[in-house]
Amino acid sequence: MELALALLTLALLTSLGVNVWLAHRARTPPATLAPTPQEQLPPLFHAVAAALDAGLILVDAERRARYLSPQAAELLGGQEDAAGGRALIALLRDYRADALVGEVLQDGEARELLLQPAPGGRTLRLRATALAHGVAPEALILLRDVTQLSVLERARRDMVANVSHELRTPLASVKLLVETLQSGPPPPVAARMLGQMAQEVDALTQLVDELHELSQIESGRLALQLAPAELAPVVARAIERIRPQAGRKGLHIAASLPTDLPLALLDSERVGRVLLNLLHNAVKFTPEGGEIRVAASPLAVPPLGHPPGAWLLVQVADSGTGIPVEDLPRIFERFYKVDRARTREAGGTGLGLAIARHLVEGHGGRIWAESAEGRGSSFFFTLPTAVDRIED
């Protein structure tokens, strides 16, 4: 698609602008063929170049810039004064691009190159095409900003790698257990192995379910049913669901919510899922005999980055192992795990916090964490109150 757009743009420019300029150049005596200032190019050339959504550079046989469009100047870091004979290597700051344009000028064959990182930290796709091949060959360079496409492609590769990694271990375990069962072990051993297989299948099912839910959220196909509701029952249901797991480790779970807490504008089921994910993580990483606390309070002033209005602050705190400070900015990424060896033994897919972040942001709120290794973690998220929002 990007190549087709580049070719279409180049064809449009060639048919409308460059042909006019080449005709003008053909009528000029050879003695005056020194680098032409930008303002001497035909007006139609400037008009077409300015209408493009890509940058344009015209270089001569010595790889010096004869024309630099405003878009190209912006992509290259605002070098508006770059045209008028400046060397291409000084503009692009990339020897590969300079060598590629030299090859295009030499043999007349169009070529492409990905500049990463380009000036300003962008990712640029460069396509160079020869305009004239002979005594004074010149080349037209088209620059397109593909930073966002590059980010999406990297995210796709990471997603495939992470899913493959998460699937490999349970599938290998199931395969080994099946092969052992096929050898006819004693009934007690076979029963134990069947139980292990059930656990691995449950882990795979959880991964697939969470991947499906995350894809539904990120694609916008999961609509939140927002309505005024009390937060206390939602917290109570989440605690009751996690209490059996906490009980097996002797953990104490308590909720601290004021009785006059304002109604929240929320999807009760989805906020319950956020709380359950946070409580599940707290149970996993809190040693036996530890404590987990859920609290909520109204905020008198909207937090930074929030729209005007009244907000509730919800906190899930634990006395667990804590999170290293260098990992805090990344814990809400898909599949990110602070310690893969530790989290594999504790279970989990690495998707729970990513799902929680999307659900909270779907309510208009924000989610973040504060932690120190060995001193527990506190997760916070905000929810809008129903005050002044019911009619909206």
Protein backbone atom coordinates (compact mmCIF):
# COMPACT_ATOMS: atom_id res chain seq x y z
CA MET A 1 0.00 0.00 0.00
CA GLU A 2 2.77 2.46 0.93
CA LEU A 3 4.70 1.65 -2.24
CA ALA A 4 1.57 2.13 -4.37
CA LEU A 5 0.94 5.52 -2.77
CA ALA A 6 4.54 6.54 -3.35
CA LEU A 7 4.40 5.51 -7.00
CA LEU A 8 1.08 7.30 -7.51
CA THR A 9 2.44 10.45 -5.91
CA LEU A 10 5.58 10.28 -7.99
CA ALA A 11 3.56 9.82 -11.20
CA LEU A 12 1.38 12.81 -10.36
CA LEU A 13 4.38 14.99 -9.63
CA THR A 14 6.19 13.89 -12.78
CA SER A 15 3.20 14.50 -15.04
CA LEU A 16 2.24 17.90 -13.63
CA GLY A 17 5.34 19.58 -12.29
CA VAL A 18 8.59 17.98 -13.35
CA ASN A 19 7.75 17.87 -17.06
CA VAL A 20 7.15 21.60 -17.00
CA TRP A 21 10.45 22.18 -15.27
CA LEU A 22 12.34 19.85 -17.61
CA ALA A 23 10.92 21.71 -20.61
CA HIS A 24 12.08 24.95 -19.04
CA ARG A 25 15.52 23.38 -18.45
CA ALA A 26 15.76 22.14 -22.05
CA ARG A 27 15.33 25.71 -23.34
CA THR A 28 18.15 26.96 -21.11
CA PRO A 29 21.67 27.20 -22.59
CA PRO A 30 24.13 24.66 -21.11
CA ALA A 31 26.31 27.43 -19.72
CA THR A 32 23.56 28.43 -17.28
CA LEU A 33 22.93 24.96 -15.87
CA ALA A 34 24.51 25.72 -12.52
CA PRO A 35 22.34 24.78 -9.50
CA THR A 36 19.07 26.67 -9.90
CA PRO A 37 17.69 28.53 -6.87
CA GLN A 38 14.37 27.19 -5.60
CA GLU A 39 12.49 30.30 -6.61
CA GLN A 40 13.45 29.81 -10.29
CA LEU A 41 11.57 26.50 -10.55
CA PRO A 42 8.15 26.69 -12.28
CA PRO A 43 5.25 27.71 -9.98
CA LEU A 44 3.36 24.52 -10.85
CA PHE A 45 6.24 22.47 -9.48
CA HIS A 46 6.03 24.30 -6.13
CA ALA A 47 2.22 23.98 -6.05
CA VAL A 48 2.22 20.22 -6.65
CA ALA A 49 5.09 19.61 -4.22
CA ALA A 50 3.29 21.58 -1.49
CA ALA A 51 0.10 19.52 -2.02
CA LEU A 52 1.84 16.21 -1.34
CA ASP A 53 1.68 14.47 2.03
CA ALA A 54 5.33 13.48 1.63
CA GLY A 55 8.62 15.35 1.49
CA LEU A 56 10.35 16.04 -1.82
CA ILE A 57 14.03 16.66 -2.57
CA LEU A 58 15.51 17.34 -6.02
CA VAL A 59 19.25 16.66 -6.32
CA ASP A 60 21.72 17.19 -9.15
CA ALA A 61 24.45 14.93 -10.48
CA GLU A 62 26.75 15.92 -7.62
CA ARG A 63 24.10 14.98 -5.06
CA ARG A 64 23.43 18.56 -4.05
CA ALA A 65 19.94 19.76 -3.15
CA ARG A 66 18.35 21.98 -5.82
CA TYR A 67 14.91 21.87 -4.21
CA LEU A 68 13.62 20.98 -0.74
CA SER A 69 9.86 21.01 -0.08
CA PRO A 70 8.52 22.36 3.24
CA GLN A 71 7.36 18.84 4.16
CA ALA A 72 10.86 17.46 3.57
CA ALA A 73 12.37 20.27 5.64
CA GLU A 74 10.02 19.42 8.51
CA LEU A 75 10.78 15.68 8.31
CA LEU A 76 14.51 16.42 8.37
CA GLY A 77 14.32 18.61 11.44
CA GLY A 78 13.23 21.98 10.10
CA GLN A 79 16.15 22.60 7.74
CA GLU A 80 14.40 25.29 5.70
CA ASP A 81 17.67 26.77 4.49
CA ALA A 82 18.98 23.44 3.24
CA ALA A 83 18.35 23.90 -0.50
CA GLY A 84 20.60 25.88 -2.78
CA GLY A 85 23.53 23.51 -3.21
CA ARG A 86 23.82 21.80 0.18
CA ALA A 87 25.17 18.23 0.01
CA LEU A 88 22.60 15.45 0.37
CA ILE A 89 24.69 13.67 3.03
CA ALA A 90 24.45 16.80 5.20
CA LEU A 91 20.66 16.80 4.83
CA LEU A 92 19.93 13.12 5.45
CA ARG A 93 22.91 12.37 7.72
CA ASP A 94 22.94 8.80 6.46
CA TYR A 95 25.72 7.44 4.26
CA ARG A 96 23.51 4.58 2.99
CA ALA A 97 20.96 7.04 1.59
CA ASP A 98 23.70 9.11 -0.01
CA ALA A 99 25.21 5.99 -1.62
CA LEU A 100 21.76 4.80 -2.79
CA VAL A 101 21.05 8.11 -4.54
CA GLY A 102 24.49 7.92 -6.15
CA GLU A 103 23.60 4.50 -7.59
CA VAL A 104 20.27 5.84 -8.88
CA LEU A 105 22.06 8.71 -10.62
CA GLN A 106 24.54 6.28 -12.12
CA ASP A 107 22.25 3.61 -13.58
CA GLY A 108 18.79 5.27 -13.60
CA GLU A 109 17.12 2.48 -11.56
CA ALA A 110 14.69 3.53 -8.80
CA ARG A 111 15.53 2.37 -5.28
CA GLU A 112 14.05 2.46 -1.77
CA LEU A 113 15.54 2.61 1.71
CA LEU A 114 14.22 2.76 5.28
CA LEU A 115 15.93 5.41 7.41
CA GLN A 116 15.77 4.42 11.07
CA PRO A 117 16.30 6.40 13.14
CA ALA A 118 16.04 9.49 10.99
CA PRO A 119 16.46 13.09 12.24
CA GLY A 120 13.99 13.75 15.04
CA GLY A 121 13.75 10.06 15.94
CA ARG A 122 11.38 9.33 13.05
CA THR A 123 11.34 6.35 10.71
CA LEU A 124 11.37 7.54 7.09
CA ARG A 125 10.92 5.63 3.85
CA LEU A 126 13.05 7.08 1.06
CA ARG A 127 12.42 6.42 -2.63
CA ALA A 128 14.84 7.82 -5.18
CA THR A 129 13.99 7.99 -8.92
CA ALA A 130 16.18 9.28 -11.76
CA LEU A 131 14.69 12.16 -13.77
CA ALA A 132 17.31 12.40 -16.50
CA HIS A 133 20.07 10.00 -17.43
CA GLY A 134 22.85 11.44 -19.54
CA VAL A 135 25.02 14.51 -19.44
CA ALA A 136 23.44 15.98 -16.30
CA PRO A 137 21.43 13.29 -14.49
CA GLU A 138 19.23 14.35 -11.60
CA ALA A 139 17.15 12.47 -9.04
CA LEU A 140 13.87 13.02 -7.28
CA ILE A 141 13.68 11.82 -3.66
CA LEU A 142 10.34 11.13 -1.97
CA LEU A 143 10.30 10.97 1.84
CA ARG A 144 7.37 9.48 3.78
CA ASP A 145 7.01 9.35 7.56
CA VAL A 146 6.27 5.70 8.45
CA THR A 147 7.02 5.99 12.17
CA GLN A 148 3.54 4.89 13.22
CA LEU A 149 3.57 1.96 10.81
CA SER A 150 6.96 0.93 12.15
CA VAL A 151 5.67 1.05 15.73
CA LEU A 152 2.63 -1.05 14.81
CA GLU A 153 4.78 -3.58 12.99
CA ARG A 154 7.09 -3.87 15.98
CA ALA A 155 4.07 -4.34 18.26
CA ARG A 156 2.78 -7.08 15.96
CA ARG A 157 6.13 -8.89 16.04
CA ASP A 158 6.30 -8.59 19.83
CA MET A 159 2.75 -9.90 20.11
CA VAL A 160 3.52 -12.97 18.00
CA ALA A 161 6.73 -13.63 19.94
CA ASN A 162 5.00 -13.26 23.32
CA VAL A 163 2.05 -15.48 22.41
CA SER A 164 4.45 -18.12 21.07
CA HIS A 165 6.44 -17.94 24.29
CA GLU A 166 3.35 -18.27 26.49
CA LEU A 167 1.99 -21.21 24.46
CA ARG A 168 5.23 -23.17 24.25
CA THR A 169 5.54 -24.29 27.88
CA PRO A 170 1.97 -25.55 28.50
CA LEU A 171 1.86 -27.29 25.11
CA ALA A 172 5.18 -29.01 25.80
CA SER A 173 3.89 -30.12 29.21
CA VAL A 174 0.66 -31.50 27.74
CA LYS A 175 2.59 -33.36 25.04
CA LEU A 176 4.92 -34.93 27.61
CA LEU A 177 2.03 -35.94 29.85
CA VAL A 178 0.12 -37.50 26.94
CA GLU A 179 3.18 -39.52 25.90
CA THR A 180 3.60 -40.74 29.48
CA LEU A 181 -0.06 -41.76 29.71
CA GLN A 182 0.26 -43.68 26.46
CA SER A 183 2.90 -45.88 28.13
CA GLY A 184 0.28 -47.15 30.61
CA PRO A 185 1.46 -45.89 34.05
CA PRO A 186 -0.17 -47.11 37.29
CA PRO A 187 -3.66 -45.66 37.95
CA PRO A 188 -2.55 -43.26 40.75
CA VAL A 189 0.17 -41.82 38.49
CA ALA A 190 -2.24 -41.56 35.57
CA ALA A 191 -4.78 -39.72 37.74
CA ARG A 192 -2.14 -37.24 38.89
CA MET A 193 -1.04 -36.62 35.30
CA LEU A 194 -4.62 -36.06 34.17
CA GLY A 195 -4.93 -33.42 36.88
CA GLN A 196 -1.76 -31.72 35.63
CA MET A 197 -3.09 -31.80 32.08
CA ALA A 198 -6.31 -30.16 33.25
CA GLN A 199 -4.27 -27.35 34.87
CA GLU A 200 -2.28 -26.75 31.67
CA VAL A 201 -5.46 -26.71 29.57
CA ASP A 202 -6.98 -24.21 32.01
CA ALA A 203 -3.90 -21.99 31.58
CA LEU A 204 -4.23 -22.16 27.79
CA THR A 205 -7.95 -21.38 28.02
CA GLN A 206 -7.25 -18.35 30.22
CA LEU A 207 -4.65 -17.08 27.75
CA VAL A 208 -7.01 -17.43 24.79
CA ASP A 209 -9.90 -15.81 26.70
CA GLU A 210 -7.78 -12.85 27.77
CA LEU A 211 -6.35 -12.41 24.28
CA HIS A 212 -9.88 -12.38 22.90
CA GLU A 213 -11.05 -9.87 25.49
CA LEU A 214 -8.04 -7.62 24.89
CA SER A 215 -8.61 -7.68 21.13
CA GLN A 216 -12.28 -6.82 21.65
CA ILE A 217 -11.34 -3.87 23.87
CA GLU A 218 -8.57 -2.52 21.63
CA SER A 219 -10.70 -2.79 18.50
CA GLY A 220 -13.54 -0.86 20.14
CA ARG A 221 -16.01 -3.76 19.85
CA LEU A 222 -16.50 -3.99 23.62
CA ALA A 223 -18.98 -1.29 24.62
CA LEU A 224 -19.12 -0.23 28.26
CA GLN A 225 -22.57 -0.01 29.84
CA LEU A 226 -22.07 3.06 32.04
CA ALA A 227 -24.68 3.77 34.71
CA PRO A 228 -24.76 5.41 38.16
CA ALA A 229 -23.99 2.74 40.76
CA GLU A 230 -22.52 2.25 44.21
CA LEU A 231 -18.92 1.12 44.27
CA ALA A 232 -19.12 -0.81 47.57
CA PRO A 233 -21.08 -3.83 46.19
CA VAL A 234 -18.67 -4.10 43.25
CA VAL A 235 -15.70 -4.20 45.65
CA ALA A 236 -17.46 -6.73 47.90
CA ARG A 237 -18.14 -9.11 44.99
CA ALA A 238 -14.52 -8.95 43.81
CA ILE A 239 -13.22 -9.67 47.32
CA GLU A 240 -15.56 -12.63 47.75
CA ARG A 241 -14.39 -14.13 44.46
CA ILE A 242 -10.71 -13.85 45.43
CA ARG A 243 -11.16 -14.84 49.10
CA PRO A 244 -10.70 -18.64 48.56
CA GLN A 245 -7.29 -18.06 46.95
CA ALA A 246 -6.30 -15.62 49.67
CA GLY A 247 -7.47 -18.05 52.35
CA ARG A 248 -5.14 -20.79 51.10
CA LYS A 249 -2.20 -18.45 51.80
CA GLY A 250 -3.58 -17.07 55.04
CA LEU A 251 -3.92 -13.55 53.63
CA HIS A 252 -6.16 -10.97 55.28
CA ILE A 253 -8.31 -8.89 52.88
CA ALA A 254 -10.17 -5.81 54.08
CA ALA A 255 -12.15 -3.03 52.37
CA SER A 256 -12.26 0.56 53.60
CA LEU A 257 -14.96 2.58 51.85
CA PRO A 258 -16.81 5.54 53.41
CA THR A 259 -20.57 5.12 53.73
CA ASP A 260 -21.23 8.48 52.04
CA LEU A 261 -19.17 7.66 48.95
CA PRO A 262 -20.80 9.29 45.88
CA LEU A 263 -22.31 7.15 43.16
CA ALA A 264 -19.86 6.29 40.39
CA LEU A 265 -20.58 6.31 36.68
CA LEU A 266 -19.36 2.85 35.77
CA ASP A 267 -19.87 -0.49 34.13
CA SER A 268 -20.14 -2.68 37.25
CA GLU A 269 -19.03 -5.88 35.51
CA ARG A 270 -15.94 -4.29 33.93
CA VAL A 271 -14.86 -2.43 37.05
CA GLY A 272 -15.29 -5.71 38.92
CA ARG A 273 -12.91 -7.27 36.41
CA VAL A 274 -10.35 -4.51 37.05
CA LEU A 275 -10.58 -5.08 40.81
CA LEU A 276 -10.36 -8.85 40.40
CA ASN A 277 -7.22 -8.55 38.25
CA LEU A 278 -5.55 -6.26 40.79
CA LEU A 279 -6.56 -8.50 43.72
CA HIS A 280 -5.38 -11.59 41.87
CA ASN A 281 -1.93 -10.04 41.40
CA ALA A 282 -1.86 -8.96 45.05
CA VAL A 283 -2.62 -12.52 46.19
CA LYS A 284 0.04 -13.99 43.89
CA PHE A 285 2.86 -11.78 45.12
CA THR A 286 2.00 -11.39 48.80
CA PRO A 287 3.71 -13.89 51.13
CA GLU A 288 1.69 -16.04 53.53
CA GLY A 289 0.15 -14.11 56.37
CA GLY A 290 0.24 -10.83 54.46
CA GLU A 291 -2.44 -8.18 54.10
CA ILE A 292 -4.41 -6.74 51.16
CA ARG A 293 -6.53 -3.62 51.48
CA VAL A 294 -9.04 -1.97 49.13
CA ALA A 295 -9.92 1.68 49.72
CA ALA A 296 -11.81 4.42 47.89
CA SER A 297 -12.32 8.13 48.44
CA PRO A 298 -13.72 11.14 46.54
CA LEU A 299 -11.27 13.64 45.05
CA ALA A 300 -11.92 17.30 45.63
CA VAL A 301 -9.75 18.34 42.67
CA PRO A 302 -9.59 16.49 39.31
CA PRO A 303 -6.26 14.66 39.02
CA LEU A 304 -3.72 15.80 36.44
CA GLY A 305 -4.78 14.79 32.93
CA HIS A 306 -8.45 14.24 33.86
CA PRO A 307 -11.41 16.18 32.46
CA PRO A 308 -13.20 18.57 34.83
CA GLY A 309 -15.69 17.01 37.21
CA ALA A 310 -15.83 14.91 40.36
CA TRP A 311 -13.75 11.70 40.55
CA LEU A 312 -13.28 8.72 42.82
CA LEU A 313 -9.86 7.30 43.67
CA VAL A 314 -9.71 3.53 44.23
CA GLN A 315 -6.65 1.88 45.79
CA VAL A 316 -5.60 -1.78 46.03
CA ALA A 317 -2.60 -2.12 48.34
CA ASP A 318 -0.68 -5.20 49.49
CA SER A 319 2.25 -6.09 51.72
CA GLY A 320 3.87 -8.21 49.03
CA THR A 321 7.28 -8.41 47.40
CA GLY A 322 6.95 -5.10 45.57
CA ILE A 323 7.97 -4.03 42.06
CA PRO A 324 11.41 -2.69 41.06
CA VAL A 325 11.24 1.00 40.24
CA GLU A 326 12.68 0.43 36.74
CA ASP A 327 9.78 -1.92 35.90
CA LEU A 328 6.93 0.33 37.05
CA PRO A 329 6.53 2.23 33.73
CA ARG A 330 6.05 -1.04 31.81
CA ILE A 331 3.84 -3.21 34.01
CA PHE A 332 0.67 -2.27 32.08
CA GLU A 333 2.13 -3.47 28.76
CA ARG A 334 0.82 -6.67 27.21
CA PHE A 335 2.73 -9.76 28.36
CA TYR A 336 5.20 -7.73 30.41
CA LYS A 337 6.36 -9.62 33.47
CA VAL A 338 8.73 -8.26 36.11
CA ASP A 339 10.33 -11.66 36.72
CA ARG A 340 9.34 -14.33 34.22
CA ALA A 341 10.69 -17.18 36.36
CA ARG A 342 8.72 -15.97 39.39
CA THR A 343 5.52 -15.21 37.50
CA ARG A 344 5.53 -18.56 35.71
CA GLU A 345 5.45 -20.38 39.04
CA ALA A 346 2.74 -18.02 40.31
CA GLY A 347 0.71 -18.38 37.11
CA GLY A 348 -0.80 -15.66 34.95
CA THR A 349 -0.50 -14.55 31.35
CA GLY A 350 0.82 -11.00 31.68
CA LEU A 351 -2.39 -9.62 30.17
CA GLY A 352 -4.39 -8.79 33.31
CA LEU A 353 -2.93 -5.32 33.90
CA ALA A 354 -3.16 -4.44 30.21
CA ILE A 355 -6.86 -5.32 30.26
CA ALA A 356 -7.33 -3.33 33.48
CA ARG A 357 -5.69 -0.27 31.91
CA HIS A 358 -7.95 -0.38 28.85
CA LEU A 359 -11.09 -0.81 30.96
CA VAL A 360 -10.21 2.07 33.29
CA GLU A 361 -9.34 4.34 30.38
CA GLY A 362 -12.65 3.35 28.78
CA HIS A 363 -14.31 4.98 31.81
CA GLY A 364 -12.25 8.12 31.23
CA GLY A 365 -10.00 7.40 34.21
CA ARG A 366 -6.32 6.55 34.67
CA ILE A 367 -4.49 3.68 36.39
CA TRP A 368 -1.00 3.69 37.89
CA ALA A 369 1.11 1.98 40.54
CA GLU A 370 3.48 2.90 43.34
CA SER A 371 5.83 0.34 44.81
CA ALA A 372 9.16 -0.41 46.40
CA GLU A 373 10.86 -3.79 46.46
CA GLY A 374 10.15 -5.64 49.69
CA ARG A 375 7.60 -3.08 50.88
CA GLY A 376 4.49 -3.97 48.92
CA SER A 377 2.64 -2.29 46.05
CA SER A 378 -0.29 0.08 45.71
CA PHE A 379 -2.38 0.27 42.54
CA PHE A 380 -4.59 3.31 41.99
CA PHE A 381 -7.28 4.02 39.44
CA THR A 382 -9.86 6.75 39.02
CA LEU A 383 -13.53 6.58 38.12
CA PRO A 384 -15.96 9.42 37.30
CA THR A 385 -18.74 10.09 39.78
CA ALA A 386 -22.34 10.31 38.61
CA VAL A 387 -22.59 13.92 39.87
CA ASP A 388 -23.17 16.33 36.95
CA ARG A 389 -22.74 13.45 34.48
CA ILE A 390 -26.09 11.65 34.58
CA GLU A 391 -27.71 13.85 31.93
CA ASP A 392 -24.56 13.79 29.77
